[in-house]
Amino acid sequence: MGGNKSFNDKMILIIGVPIVLAWVGFACLVIWSGLNDNKVIENIDSYSSLLMIIGGPALLIVTSMLELWKSEQQGEINLHPELVMRNQDIATARAEHDRLMAIGAQKHLQLMDAEERCVNLGIMSTVSEGEE
């Protein structure tokens, strides 16, 4: 994809990544606080409820965004064989055109060579400007 980002790619980067990072960050903060502060352990149910309240909608949003993104990626993958076939058809047509042009050029050279030999042998006279 490179620099050509679709709307879904941008949406994942702007919305999905911060939600997941905030969710994971808050969970890590609760774990770290629980290890260092006994008050957190005493209120772990409150923190768990808060994580679930934040995580529930975040999970639904992220899941739907990832499904949309996956379908777009699958569409790009399905398009790839068609592009390869089209490029192969173009290359085949170009090769056939080049071959026909080379055959035409070779026939022209042979005809010019034959006419030059005929003129040199005196079988055919040269056409001067006044005789046309």
N, C-alpha and C. Protein backbone atom coordinates (compact mmCIF):
# COMPACT_ATOMS: atom_id res chain seq x y z
N MET A 1 0.81 -1.19 0.00
CA MET A 1 0.00 0.00 0.00
C MET A 1 0.86 1.25 0.00
N GLY A 2 1.88 1.24 0.80
CA GLY A 2 2.78 2.37 0.79
C GLY A 2 2.14 3.64 1.30
N GLY A 3 2.27 4.73 0.53
CA GLY A 3 1.75 6.02 0.94
C GLY A 3 0.29 6.23 0.56
N ASN A 4 -0.27 5.31 -0.19
CA ASN A 4 -1.65 5.43 -0.65
C ASN A 4 -2.58 4.79 0.38
N LYS A 5 -2.94 5.54 1.41
CA LYS A 5 -3.77 5.02 2.51
C LYS A 5 -5.25 5.25 2.19
N SER A 6 -6.05 4.20 2.44
CA SER A 6 -7.49 4.33 2.24
C SER A 6 -8.11 4.94 3.50
N PHE A 7 -9.40 5.24 3.41
CA PHE A 7 -10.12 5.80 4.55
C PHE A 7 -10.09 4.83 5.72
N ASN A 8 -10.26 3.54 5.45
CA ASN A 8 -10.25 2.55 6.53
C ASN A 8 -8.89 2.45 7.20
N ASP A 9 -7.81 2.55 6.42
CA ASP A 9 -6.47 2.53 7.01
C ASP A 9 -6.28 3.73 7.95
N LYS A 10 -6.73 4.89 7.49
CA LYS A 10 -6.60 6.10 8.32
C LYS A 10 -7.47 5.99 9.57
N MET A 11 -8.68 5.42 9.42
CA MET A 11 -9.57 5.29 10.56
C MET A 11 -8.97 4.35 11.60
N ILE A 12 -8.35 3.26 11.15
CA ILE A 12 -7.69 2.34 12.09
C ILE A 12 -6.58 3.07 12.83
N LEU A 13 -5.79 3.86 12.10
CA LEU A 13 -4.66 4.56 12.74
C LEU A 13 -5.12 5.66 13.70
N ILE A 14 -6.18 6.38 13.34
CA ILE A 14 -6.61 7.53 14.14
C ILE A 14 -7.50 7.12 15.31
N ILE A 15 -8.38 6.15 15.10
CA ILE A 15 -9.34 5.79 16.14
C ILE A 15 -8.98 4.47 16.81
N GLY A 16 -8.74 3.44 16.02
CA GLY A 16 -8.54 2.11 16.57
C GLY A 16 -7.29 1.96 17.42
N VAL A 17 -6.18 2.44 16.91
CA VAL A 17 -4.92 2.30 17.64
C VAL A 17 -4.96 3.03 18.98
N PRO A 18 -5.40 4.31 19.04
CA PRO A 18 -5.45 4.97 20.35
C PRO A 18 -6.39 4.28 21.35
N ILE A 19 -7.53 3.75 20.88
CA ILE A 19 -8.46 3.07 21.79
C ILE A 19 -7.80 1.84 22.38
N VAL A 20 -7.18 1.04 21.54
CA VAL A 20 -6.54 -0.18 22.02
C VAL A 20 -5.38 0.16 22.95
N LEU A 21 -4.57 1.16 22.59
CA LEU A 21 -3.45 1.54 23.44
C LEU A 21 -3.92 2.08 24.79
N ALA A 22 -4.99 2.89 24.79
CA ALA A 22 -5.52 3.40 26.05
C ALA A 22 -6.06 2.26 26.91
N TRP A 23 -6.76 1.33 26.29
CA TRP A 23 -7.32 0.20 26.99
C TRP A 23 -6.22 -0.65 27.62
N VAL A 24 -5.20 -0.99 26.82
CA VAL A 24 -4.08 -1.78 27.33
C VAL A 24 -3.30 -0.99 28.37
N GLY A 25 -3.11 0.31 28.13
CA GLY A 25 -2.39 1.15 29.09
C GLY A 25 -3.09 1.22 30.44
N PHE A 26 -4.40 1.38 30.41
CA PHE A 26 -5.16 1.44 31.66
C PHE A 26 -5.10 0.10 32.40
N ALA A 27 -5.20 -0.98 31.66
CA ALA A 27 -5.10 -2.31 32.27
C ALA A 27 -3.72 -2.50 32.91
N CYS A 28 -2.68 -2.08 32.22
CA CYS A 28 -1.32 -2.18 32.78
C CYS A 28 -1.17 -1.29 34.02
N LEU A 29 -1.79 -0.11 33.99
CA LEU A 29 -1.74 0.79 35.14
C LEU A 29 -2.42 0.16 36.35
N VAL A 30 -3.56 -0.47 36.13
CA VAL A 30 -4.28 -1.13 37.22
C VAL A 30 -3.42 -2.26 37.79
N ILE A 31 -2.81 -3.04 36.93
CA ILE A 31 -1.96 -4.14 37.40
C ILE A 31 -0.76 -3.60 38.18
N TRP A 32 -0.11 -2.60 37.63
CA TRP A 32 1.06 -2.02 38.29
C TRP A 32 0.67 -1.39 39.64
N SER A 33 -0.45 -0.66 39.64
CA SER A 33 -0.92 -0.04 40.89
C SER A 33 -1.30 -1.10 41.91
N GLY A 34 -1.89 -2.20 41.44
CA GLY A 34 -2.25 -3.28 42.35
C GLY A 34 -1.05 -3.93 43.00
N LEU A 35 0.06 -3.96 42.28
CA LEU A 35 1.27 -4.53 42.86
C LEU A 35 1.93 -3.60 43.87
N ASN A 36 1.72 -2.30 43.74
CA ASN A 36 2.39 -1.33 44.59
C ASN A 36 1.51 -0.71 45.68
N ASP A 37 0.20 -0.81 45.52
CA ASP A 37 -0.70 -0.13 46.46
C ASP A 37 -1.80 -1.10 46.90
N ASN A 38 -1.93 -1.30 48.16
CA ASN A 38 -2.95 -2.23 48.67
C ASN A 38 -4.36 -1.69 48.50
N LYS A 39 -4.52 -0.38 48.37
CA LYS A 39 -5.86 0.19 48.16
C LYS A 39 -6.46 -0.29 46.84
N VAL A 40 -5.60 -0.44 45.84
CA VAL A 40 -6.09 -0.92 44.53
C VAL A 40 -6.57 -2.35 44.67
N ILE A 41 -5.82 -3.18 45.40
CA ILE A 41 -6.22 -4.58 45.60
C ILE A 41 -7.56 -4.64 46.33
N GLU A 42 -7.74 -3.76 47.29
CA GLU A 42 -9.01 -3.75 48.04
C GLU A 42 -10.17 -3.34 47.15
N ASN A 43 -9.91 -2.48 46.17
CA ASN A 43 -10.96 -1.99 45.26
C ASN A 43 -10.84 -2.59 43.86
N ILE A 44 -10.28 -3.79 43.77
CA ILE A 44 -10.05 -4.39 42.45
C ILE A 44 -11.34 -4.61 41.67
N ASP A 45 -12.45 -4.84 42.38
CA ASP A 45 -13.73 -5.00 41.69
C ASP A 45 -14.14 -3.71 40.98
N SER A 46 -13.88 -2.59 41.61
CA SER A 46 -14.20 -1.30 40.99
C SER A 46 -13.35 -1.08 39.75
N TYR A 47 -12.06 -1.39 39.86
CA TYR A 47 -11.18 -1.22 38.70
C TYR A 47 -11.52 -2.20 37.58
N SER A 48 -11.89 -3.40 37.95
CA SER A 48 -12.30 -4.39 36.95
C SER A 48 -13.57 -3.93 36.24
N SER A 49 -14.51 -3.39 37.00
CA SER A 49 -15.75 -2.87 36.40
C SER A 49 -15.44 -1.72 35.46
N LEU A 50 -14.54 -0.84 35.87
CA LEU A 50 -14.15 0.29 35.02
C LEU A 50 -13.49 -0.20 33.73
N LEU A 51 -12.62 -1.19 33.84
CA LEU A 51 -12.00 -1.77 32.64
C LEU A 51 -13.04 -2.38 31.71
N MET A 52 -14.05 -3.05 32.31
CA MET A 52 -15.10 -3.66 31.49
C MET A 52 -15.97 -2.59 30.85
N ILE A 53 -16.27 -1.53 31.58
CA ILE A 53 -17.08 -0.44 31.02
C ILE A 53 -16.36 0.22 29.85
N ILE A 54 -15.06 0.45 30.00
CA ILE A 54 -14.28 1.06 28.91
C ILE A 54 -14.06 0.04 27.80
N GLY A 55 -13.76 -1.20 28.20
CA GLY A 55 -13.40 -2.21 27.22
C GLY A 55 -14.54 -2.72 26.38
N GLY A 56 -15.74 -2.78 26.91
CA GLY A 56 -16.88 -3.29 26.15
C GLY A 56 -17.15 -2.52 24.86
N PRO A 57 -17.45 -1.23 24.97
CA PRO A 57 -17.67 -0.47 23.74
C PRO A 57 -16.42 -0.39 22.87
N ALA A 58 -15.26 -0.29 23.50
CA ALA A 58 -14.03 -0.22 22.72
C ALA A 58 -13.85 -1.51 21.92
N LEU A 59 -14.16 -2.63 22.53
CA LEU A 59 -14.03 -3.91 21.84
C LEU A 59 -14.99 -4.00 20.66
N LEU A 60 -16.23 -3.54 20.84
CA LEU A 60 -17.19 -3.56 19.73
C LEU A 60 -16.75 -2.67 18.58
N ILE A 61 -16.29 -1.48 18.92
CA ILE A 61 -15.83 -0.55 17.89
C ILE A 61 -14.63 -1.11 17.15
N VAL A 62 -13.67 -1.58 17.92
CA VAL A 62 -12.44 -2.10 17.30
C VAL A 62 -12.75 -3.34 16.46
N THR A 63 -13.62 -4.21 16.94
CA THR A 63 -13.97 -5.41 16.18
C THR A 63 -14.61 -5.05 14.85
N SER A 64 -15.54 -4.11 14.86
CA SER A 64 -16.21 -3.74 13.60
C SER A 64 -15.23 -3.03 12.66
N MET A 65 -14.35 -2.21 13.21
CA MET A 65 -13.36 -1.53 12.36
C MET A 65 -12.38 -2.55 11.76
N LEU A 66 -11.97 -3.53 12.54
CA LEU A 66 -11.05 -4.54 12.02
C LEU A 66 -11.70 -5.41 10.96
N GLU A 67 -12.99 -5.73 11.14
CA GLU A 67 -13.71 -6.49 10.11
C GLU A 67 -13.78 -5.70 8.81
N LEU A 68 -14.08 -4.41 8.91
CA LEU A 68 -14.13 -3.56 7.72
C LEU A 68 -12.76 -3.49 7.05
N TRP A 69 -11.73 -3.34 7.86
CA TRP A 69 -10.37 -3.26 7.33
C TRP A 69 -9.96 -4.59 6.68
N LYS A 70 -10.31 -5.71 7.31
CA LYS A 70 -9.99 -7.02 6.75
C LYS A 70 -10.70 -7.24 5.42
N SER A 71 -11.94 -6.80 5.32
CA SER A 71 -12.66 -6.97 4.05
C SER A 71 -12.03 -6.12 2.95
N GLU A 72 -11.56 -4.93 3.30
CA GLU A 72 -10.88 -4.10 2.31
C GLU A 72 -9.57 -4.75 1.87
N GLN A 73 -8.82 -5.29 2.82
CA GLN A 73 -7.57 -5.96 2.48
C GLN A 73 -7.83 -7.18 1.60
N GLN A 74 -8.88 -7.91 1.89
CA GLN A 74 -9.24 -9.08 1.08
C GLN A 74 -9.61 -8.65 -0.33
N GLY A 75 -10.31 -7.53 -0.45
CA GLY A 75 -10.64 -7.00 -1.77
C GLY A 75 -9.40 -6.66 -2.57
N GLU A 76 -8.40 -6.09 -1.92
CA GLU A 76 -7.15 -5.77 -2.60
C GLU A 76 -6.42 -7.05 -3.02
N ILE A 77 -6.47 -8.06 -2.17
CA ILE A 77 -5.82 -9.33 -2.50
C ILE A 77 -6.53 -9.98 -3.69
N ASN A 78 -7.87 -9.92 -3.71
CA ASN A 78 -8.62 -10.50 -4.82
C ASN A 78 -8.40 -9.75 -6.12
N LEU A 79 -8.10 -8.47 -6.03
CA LEU A 79 -7.86 -7.66 -7.23
C LEU A 79 -6.50 -7.95 -7.84
N HIS A 80 -5.56 -8.39 -7.02
CA HIS A 80 -4.19 -8.59 -7.49
C HIS A 80 -4.06 -9.55 -8.68
N PRO A 81 -4.71 -10.73 -8.68
CA PRO A 81 -4.59 -11.61 -9.85
C PRO A 81 -5.10 -10.97 -11.13
N GLU A 82 -6.16 -10.17 -11.04
CA GLU A 82 -6.68 -9.49 -12.22
C GLU A 82 -5.65 -8.49 -12.77
N LEU A 83 -4.97 -7.80 -11.88
CA LEU A 83 -3.94 -6.86 -12.33
C LEU A 83 -2.78 -7.59 -12.98
N VAL A 84 -2.41 -8.73 -12.42
CA VAL A 84 -1.31 -9.52 -13.00
C VAL A 84 -1.70 -10.00 -14.39
N MET A 85 -2.92 -10.50 -14.54
CA MET A 85 -3.39 -10.98 -15.85
C MET A 85 -3.44 -9.83 -16.86
N ARG A 86 -3.91 -8.67 -16.42
CA ARG A 86 -3.98 -7.52 -17.33
C ARG A 86 -2.58 -7.11 -17.77
N ASN A 87 -1.64 -7.05 -16.84
CA ASN A 87 -0.27 -6.69 -17.18
C ASN A 87 0.36 -7.73 -18.10
N GLN A 88 0.03 -9.01 -17.89
CA GLN A 88 0.56 -10.06 -18.75
C GLN A 88 -0.03 -9.93 -20.16
N ASP A 89 -1.31 -9.61 -20.26
CA ASP A 89 -1.94 -9.41 -21.58
C ASP A 89 -1.30 -8.23 -22.31
N ILE A 90 -1.02 -7.16 -21.57
CA ILE A 90 -0.38 -5.98 -22.18
C ILE A 90 1.02 -6.35 -22.67
N ALA A 91 1.77 -7.09 -21.86
CA ALA A 91 3.13 -7.48 -22.25
C ALA A 91 3.10 -8.40 -23.46
N THR A 92 2.11 -9.32 -23.51
CA THR A 92 1.99 -10.22 -24.66
C THR A 92 1.64 -9.43 -25.92
N ALA A 93 0.72 -8.51 -25.81
CA ALA A 93 0.34 -7.69 -26.98
C ALA A 93 1.51 -6.84 -27.45
N ARG A 94 2.26 -6.28 -26.50
CA ARG A 94 3.42 -5.47 -26.87
C ARG A 94 4.49 -6.31 -27.57
N ALA A 95 4.72 -7.53 -27.08
CA ALA A 95 5.71 -8.43 -27.69
C ALA A 95 5.26 -8.82 -29.10
N GLU A 96 3.97 -9.10 -29.26
CA GLU A 96 3.45 -9.45 -30.59
C GLU A 96 3.57 -8.27 -31.55
N HIS A 97 3.28 -7.08 -31.09
CA HIS A 97 3.42 -5.87 -31.92
C HIS A 97 4.88 -5.68 -32.32
N ASP A 98 5.80 -5.81 -31.36
CA ASP A 98 7.22 -5.65 -31.66
C ASP A 98 7.69 -6.71 -32.67
N ARG A 99 7.18 -7.94 -32.53
CA ARG A 99 7.54 -9.01 -33.46
C ARG A 99 7.05 -8.70 -34.87
N LEU A 100 5.79 -8.24 -34.98
CA LEU A 100 5.24 -7.90 -36.30
C LEU A 100 5.97 -6.72 -36.92
N MET A 101 6.35 -5.75 -36.11
CA MET A 101 7.10 -4.61 -36.63
C MET A 101 8.48 -5.03 -37.11
N ALA A 102 9.12 -5.95 -36.39
CA ALA A 102 10.44 -6.45 -36.80
C ALA A 102 10.34 -7.23 -38.10
N ILE A 103 9.28 -8.04 -38.25
CA ILE A 103 9.07 -8.79 -39.49
C ILE A 103 8.87 -7.82 -40.65
N GLY A 104 8.04 -6.77 -40.43
CA GLY A 104 7.81 -5.77 -41.48
C GLY A 104 9.09 -5.04 -41.85
N ALA A 105 9.89 -4.69 -40.86
CA ALA A 105 11.16 -4.00 -41.13
C ALA A 105 12.11 -4.91 -41.91
N GLN A 106 12.15 -6.20 -41.53
CA GLN A 106 13.03 -7.14 -42.22
C GLN A 106 12.58 -7.33 -43.67
N LYS A 107 11.28 -7.45 -43.92
CA LYS A 107 10.77 -7.59 -45.29
C LYS A 107 11.11 -6.36 -46.11
N HIS A 108 10.99 -5.19 -45.49
CA HIS A 108 11.33 -3.94 -46.19
C HIS A 108 12.82 -3.93 -46.56
N LEU A 109 13.67 -4.31 -45.62
CA LEU A 109 15.11 -4.34 -45.91
C LEU A 109 15.42 -5.34 -47.02
N GLN A 110 14.77 -6.50 -47.01
CA GLN A 110 15.00 -7.49 -48.06
C GLN A 110 14.54 -6.99 -49.41
N LEU A 111 13.41 -6.30 -49.45
CA LEU A 111 12.90 -5.74 -50.70
C LEU A 111 13.84 -4.67 -51.23
N MET A 112 14.32 -3.79 -50.35
CA MET A 112 15.25 -2.74 -50.78
C MET A 112 16.56 -3.35 -51.27
N ASP A 113 17.03 -4.39 -50.60
CA ASP A 113 18.26 -5.07 -51.01
C ASP A 113 18.07 -5.73 -52.38
N ALA A 114 16.92 -6.37 -52.57
CA ALA A 114 16.64 -7.03 -53.85
C ALA A 114 16.55 -6.02 -54.98
N GLU A 115 15.90 -4.89 -54.74
CA GLU A 115 15.81 -3.87 -55.77
C GLU A 115 17.17 -3.26 -56.08
N GLU A 116 18.00 -3.09 -55.07
CA GLU A 116 19.34 -2.54 -55.28
C GLU A 116 20.18 -3.51 -56.12
N ARG A 117 20.04 -4.81 -55.87
CA ARG A 117 20.78 -5.80 -56.66
C ARG A 117 20.28 -5.82 -58.11
N CYS A 118 18.96 -5.69 -58.28
CA CYS A 118 18.41 -5.65 -59.63
C CYS A 118 18.94 -4.44 -60.39
N VAL A 119 19.03 -3.31 -59.75
CA VAL A 119 19.54 -2.10 -60.39
C VAL A 119 21.02 -2.28 -60.70
N ASN A 120 21.80 -2.82 -59.80
CA ASN A 120 23.23 -3.03 -60.02
C ASN A 120 23.49 -4.02 -61.13
N LEU A 121 22.63 -5.01 -61.32
CA LEU A 121 22.79 -6.00 -62.39
C LEU A 121 22.23 -5.51 -63.72
N GLY A 122 21.54 -4.39 -63.70
CA GLY A 122 20.97 -3.82 -64.91
C GLY A 122 19.64 -4.41 -65.28
N ILE A 123 19.06 -5.20 -64.42
CA ILE A 123 17.75 -5.80 -64.69
C ILE A 123 16.66 -4.75 -64.58
N MET A 124 16.88 -3.81 -63.71
CA MET A 124 15.90 -2.77 -63.47
C MET A 124 16.60 -1.44 -63.56
N SER A 125 15.97 -0.44 -64.18
CA SER A 125 16.61 0.86 -64.27
C SER A 125 16.23 1.71 -63.06
N THR A 126 17.10 2.64 -62.74
CA THR A 126 16.81 3.54 -61.62
C THR A 126 15.80 4.56 -62.06
N VAL A 127 15.00 5.02 -61.15
CA VAL A 127 13.99 6.01 -61.43
C VAL A 127 14.59 7.36 -61.07
N SER A 128 14.74 8.22 -62.09
CA SER A 128 15.27 9.56 -61.83
C SER A 128 14.12 10.49 -61.55
N GLU A 129 14.44 11.66 -61.10
CA GLU A 129 13.41 12.61 -60.69
C GLU A 129 12.52 13.02 -61.84
N GLY A 130 13.02 13.10 -63.03
CA GLY A 130 12.23 13.52 -64.18
C GLY A 130 11.37 12.43 -64.74
N GLU A 131 11.65 11.16 -64.44
CA GLU A 131 10.93 10.04 -65.04
C GLU A 131 9.72 9.62 -64.24
N GLU A 132 9.50 10.15 -63.11
CA GLU A 132 8.39 9.71 -62.24
C GLU A 132 7.12 9.78 -62.93
